[in-house]
Structures are given as structure tokens and as C-alpha cells.
Amino acid sequence: MNTWDNSFMSEILYTPGKGWEFQNDLNYNFYHGYSAGFGRPEVQWDLGISKAIKSVTLGLKVSDILNQ
């Protein structure tokens, strides 16, 4: 059996200043050579926000927003 697993990834990190940081991750996975019903393409989208206050960083991350 000849199978291929492929992936594209994009990460955007924006730091506007004053301790703020915004992160956007997008992953696209697709497959070739699998039996019917297996190897469906997947998209995973994650978002994060964080704030640095002195020596502490508080953050929130939401994973798999599209729920695939």
C-alpha cells in the first residue's frame, strides 16, 4: 500500500505592544492512498491571546475552532 500524508501550516503571531500577544494557527492535513472512508482532509484552526504583567503571563487558547 502506497500512502501519503501531507500538511500545510500557517502561524501568525501579532504583538502590538504593552504585553499583548495574539496568535492564529491554521493546519490543513490531507491524505492520499487510503481506503474509502479513511484519510479525509482536516482543517484545524487555533486562536490564542496572552498578556504579560510584570513577570507573569496570562493566556487563553481556543483549539480546533471548526471542530473537525
N, C-alpha and C. Protein backbone atom coordinates (compact mmCIF):
# COMPACT_ATOMS: atom_id res chain seq x y z
N MET A 1 0.85 -1.17 0.00
CA MET A 1 0.00 0.00 0.00
C MET A 1 0.90 1.24 0.00
N ASN A 2 0.60 2.15 -0.91
CA ASN A 2 1.36 3.39 -1.03
C ASN A 2 0.50 4.55 -0.53
N THR A 3 0.84 5.12 0.61
CA THR A 3 0.06 6.21 1.18
C THR A 3 0.93 7.46 1.36
N TRP A 4 0.27 8.59 1.31
CA TRP A 4 0.93 9.87 1.52
C TRP A 4 0.16 10.67 2.54
N ASP A 5 0.85 11.26 3.49
CA ASP A 5 0.27 12.20 4.46
C ASP A 5 0.90 13.57 4.19
N ASN A 6 0.06 14.56 3.94
CA ASN A 6 0.54 15.90 3.60
C ASN A 6 -0.03 16.93 4.56
N SER A 7 0.72 17.99 4.78
CA SER A 7 0.27 19.00 5.72
C SER A 7 0.78 20.38 5.30
N PHE A 8 -0.11 21.37 5.43
CA PHE A 8 0.26 22.77 5.27
C PHE A 8 -0.05 23.46 6.59
N MET A 9 0.82 24.38 6.99
CA MET A 9 0.66 25.04 8.29
C MET A 9 0.96 26.53 8.14
N SER A 10 0.18 27.33 8.85
CA SER A 10 0.41 28.77 8.88
C SER A 10 0.29 29.24 10.33
N GLU A 11 1.22 30.07 10.76
CA GLU A 11 1.16 30.63 12.11
C GLU A 11 1.40 32.13 12.01
N ILE A 12 0.48 32.88 12.57
CA ILE A 12 0.62 34.34 12.61
C ILE A 12 0.69 34.77 14.07
N LEU A 13 1.71 35.50 14.41
CA LEU A 13 1.90 35.99 15.77
C LEU A 13 1.96 37.52 15.70
N TYR A 14 1.06 38.18 16.39
CA TYR A 14 0.98 39.64 16.38
C TYR A 14 1.20 40.15 17.79
N THR A 15 2.18 41.02 17.95
CA THR A 15 2.48 41.61 19.26
C THR A 15 2.39 43.13 19.15
N PRO A 16 1.21 43.70 19.45
CA PRO A 16 1.02 45.14 19.30
C PRO A 16 1.71 45.98 20.37
N GLY A 17 2.22 45.35 21.42
CA GLY A 17 2.89 46.09 22.48
C GLY A 17 2.13 46.04 23.78
N LYS A 18 2.68 46.66 24.80
CA LYS A 18 2.09 46.72 26.14
C LYS A 18 1.78 45.33 26.70
N GLY A 19 2.57 44.33 26.30
CA GLY A 19 2.44 42.98 26.86
C GLY A 19 1.43 42.09 26.18
N TRP A 20 0.74 42.57 25.16
CA TRP A 20 -0.27 41.77 24.47
C TRP A 20 0.35 40.93 23.36
N GLU A 21 -0.23 39.74 23.14
CA GLU A 21 0.20 38.87 22.06
C GLU A 21 -1.01 38.09 21.54
N PHE A 22 -1.18 38.08 20.22
CA PHE A 22 -2.28 37.36 19.58
C PHE A 22 -1.68 36.32 18.64
N GLN A 23 -2.23 35.10 18.68
CA GLN A 23 -1.70 34.01 17.87
C GLN A 23 -2.83 33.34 17.10
N ASN A 24 -2.57 33.05 15.82
CA ASN A 24 -3.53 32.40 14.94
C ASN A 24 -2.81 31.26 14.23
N ASP A 25 -3.24 30.02 14.44
CA ASP A 25 -2.62 28.85 13.81
C ASP A 25 -3.65 28.16 12.93
N LEU A 26 -3.24 27.80 11.72
CA LEU A 26 -4.12 27.08 10.80
C LEU A 26 -3.34 25.91 10.21
N ASN A 27 -3.89 24.70 10.35
CA ASN A 27 -3.27 23.49 9.82
C ASN A 27 -4.24 22.80 8.88
N TYR A 28 -3.76 22.40 7.71
CA TYR A 28 -4.56 21.64 6.75
C TYR A 28 -3.82 20.34 6.47
N ASN A 29 -4.46 19.22 6.76
CA ASN A 29 -3.88 17.90 6.54
C ASN A 29 -4.71 17.17 5.50
N PHE A 30 -4.04 16.56 4.53
CA PHE A 30 -4.75 15.75 3.54
C PHE A 30 -3.92 14.51 3.22
N TYR A 31 -4.60 13.49 2.76
CA TYR A 31 -4.00 12.16 2.63
C TYR A 31 -4.30 11.58 1.26
N HIS A 32 -3.46 10.66 0.82
CA HIS A 32 -3.65 10.00 -0.46
C HIS A 32 -3.31 8.52 -0.31
N GLY A 33 -4.12 7.68 -0.92
CA GLY A 33 -3.82 6.25 -0.94
C GLY A 33 -4.51 5.43 0.12
N TYR A 34 -5.38 6.02 0.92
CA TYR A 34 -6.09 5.28 1.97
C TYR A 34 -7.40 4.71 1.42
N SER A 35 -7.92 3.69 2.08
CA SER A 35 -9.19 3.08 1.70
C SER A 35 -10.32 4.10 1.83
N ALA A 36 -11.43 3.81 1.13
CA ALA A 36 -12.60 4.69 1.18
C ALA A 36 -13.05 4.88 2.63
N GLY A 37 -13.36 6.11 2.99
CA GLY A 37 -13.79 6.41 4.35
C GLY A 37 -12.65 6.80 5.28
N PHE A 38 -11.42 6.60 4.85
CA PHE A 38 -10.26 6.96 5.66
C PHE A 38 -9.47 8.05 4.94
N GLY A 39 -8.73 8.81 5.68
CA GLY A 39 -7.88 9.82 5.07
C GLY A 39 -8.61 11.05 4.57
N ARG A 40 -9.71 11.40 5.23
CA ARG A 40 -10.43 12.62 4.85
C ARG A 40 -9.59 13.84 5.21
N PRO A 41 -9.62 14.90 4.38
CA PRO A 41 -8.88 16.13 4.71
C PRO A 41 -9.39 16.75 6.01
N GLU A 42 -8.50 17.39 6.74
CA GLU A 42 -8.85 18.02 8.02
C GLU A 42 -8.28 19.42 8.06
N VAL A 43 -9.04 20.32 8.67
CA VAL A 43 -8.57 21.68 8.92
C VAL A 43 -8.65 21.91 10.43
N GLN A 44 -7.56 22.37 11.02
CA GLN A 44 -7.58 22.71 12.45
C GLN A 44 -7.17 24.17 12.59
N TRP A 45 -8.01 24.92 13.30
CA TRP A 45 -7.79 26.35 13.49
C TRP A 45 -7.75 26.63 14.98
N ASP A 46 -6.66 27.22 15.46
CA ASP A 46 -6.47 27.56 16.87
C ASP A 46 -6.21 29.06 17.00
N LEU A 47 -6.76 29.66 18.05
CA LEU A 47 -6.53 31.07 18.34
C LEU A 47 -6.05 31.22 19.78
N GLY A 48 -5.18 32.17 20.01
CA GLY A 48 -4.70 32.41 21.37
C GLY A 48 -4.49 33.89 21.62
N ILE A 49 -4.61 34.27 22.88
CA ILE A 49 -4.35 35.65 23.30
C ILE A 49 -3.63 35.57 24.64
N SER A 50 -2.66 36.42 24.84
CA SER A 50 -1.96 36.45 26.13
C SER A 50 -1.57 37.88 26.48
N LYS A 51 -1.37 38.08 27.77
CA LYS A 51 -0.99 39.39 28.31
C LYS A 51 0.08 39.18 29.36
N ALA A 52 1.22 39.83 29.18
CA ALA A 52 2.30 39.77 30.15
C ALA A 52 2.14 40.92 31.14
N ILE A 53 2.11 40.56 32.43
CA ILE A 53 2.02 41.54 33.50
C ILE A 53 3.21 41.29 34.43
N LYS A 54 4.17 42.20 34.35
CA LYS A 54 5.44 42.05 35.08
C LYS A 54 6.06 40.70 34.73
N SER A 55 6.24 39.79 35.69
CA SER A 55 6.90 38.51 35.39
C SER A 55 5.90 37.37 35.18
N VAL A 56 4.61 37.69 35.03
CA VAL A 56 3.57 36.67 34.85
C VAL A 56 2.90 36.88 33.49
N THR A 57 2.66 35.79 32.77
CA THR A 57 1.92 35.85 31.51
C THR A 57 0.62 35.07 31.66
N LEU A 58 -0.49 35.74 31.39
CA LEU A 58 -1.81 35.11 31.42
C LEU A 58 -2.25 34.89 29.99
N GLY A 59 -2.81 33.70 29.70
CA GLY A 59 -3.20 33.43 28.33
C GLY A 59 -4.45 32.58 28.23
N LEU A 60 -5.06 32.66 27.07
CA LEU A 60 -6.24 31.86 26.75
C LEU A 60 -6.07 31.34 25.34
N LYS A 61 -6.31 30.03 25.15
CA LYS A 61 -6.19 29.42 23.83
C LYS A 61 -7.43 28.61 23.53
N VAL A 62 -7.96 28.78 22.33
CA VAL A 62 -9.11 28.00 21.86
C VAL A 62 -8.59 27.10 20.74
N SER A 63 -8.75 25.79 20.92
CA SER A 63 -8.25 24.82 19.95
C SER A 63 -9.37 24.24 19.11
N ASP A 64 -9.07 23.95 17.87
CA ASP A 64 -9.98 23.30 16.92
C ASP A 64 -11.33 24.01 16.86
N ILE A 65 -11.30 25.27 16.51
CA ILE A 65 -12.50 26.10 16.44
C ILE A 65 -13.53 25.52 15.48
N LEU A 66 -13.09 24.90 14.39
CA LEU A 66 -14.00 24.34 13.40
C LEU A 66 -14.55 22.97 13.80
N ASN A 67 -14.03 22.40 14.89
CA ASN A 67 -14.49 21.12 15.45
C ASN A 67 -14.49 19.99 14.42
N GLN A 68 -13.35 19.79 13.79
CA GLN A 68 -13.24 18.69 12.83
C GLN A 68 -12.50 17.57 13.48
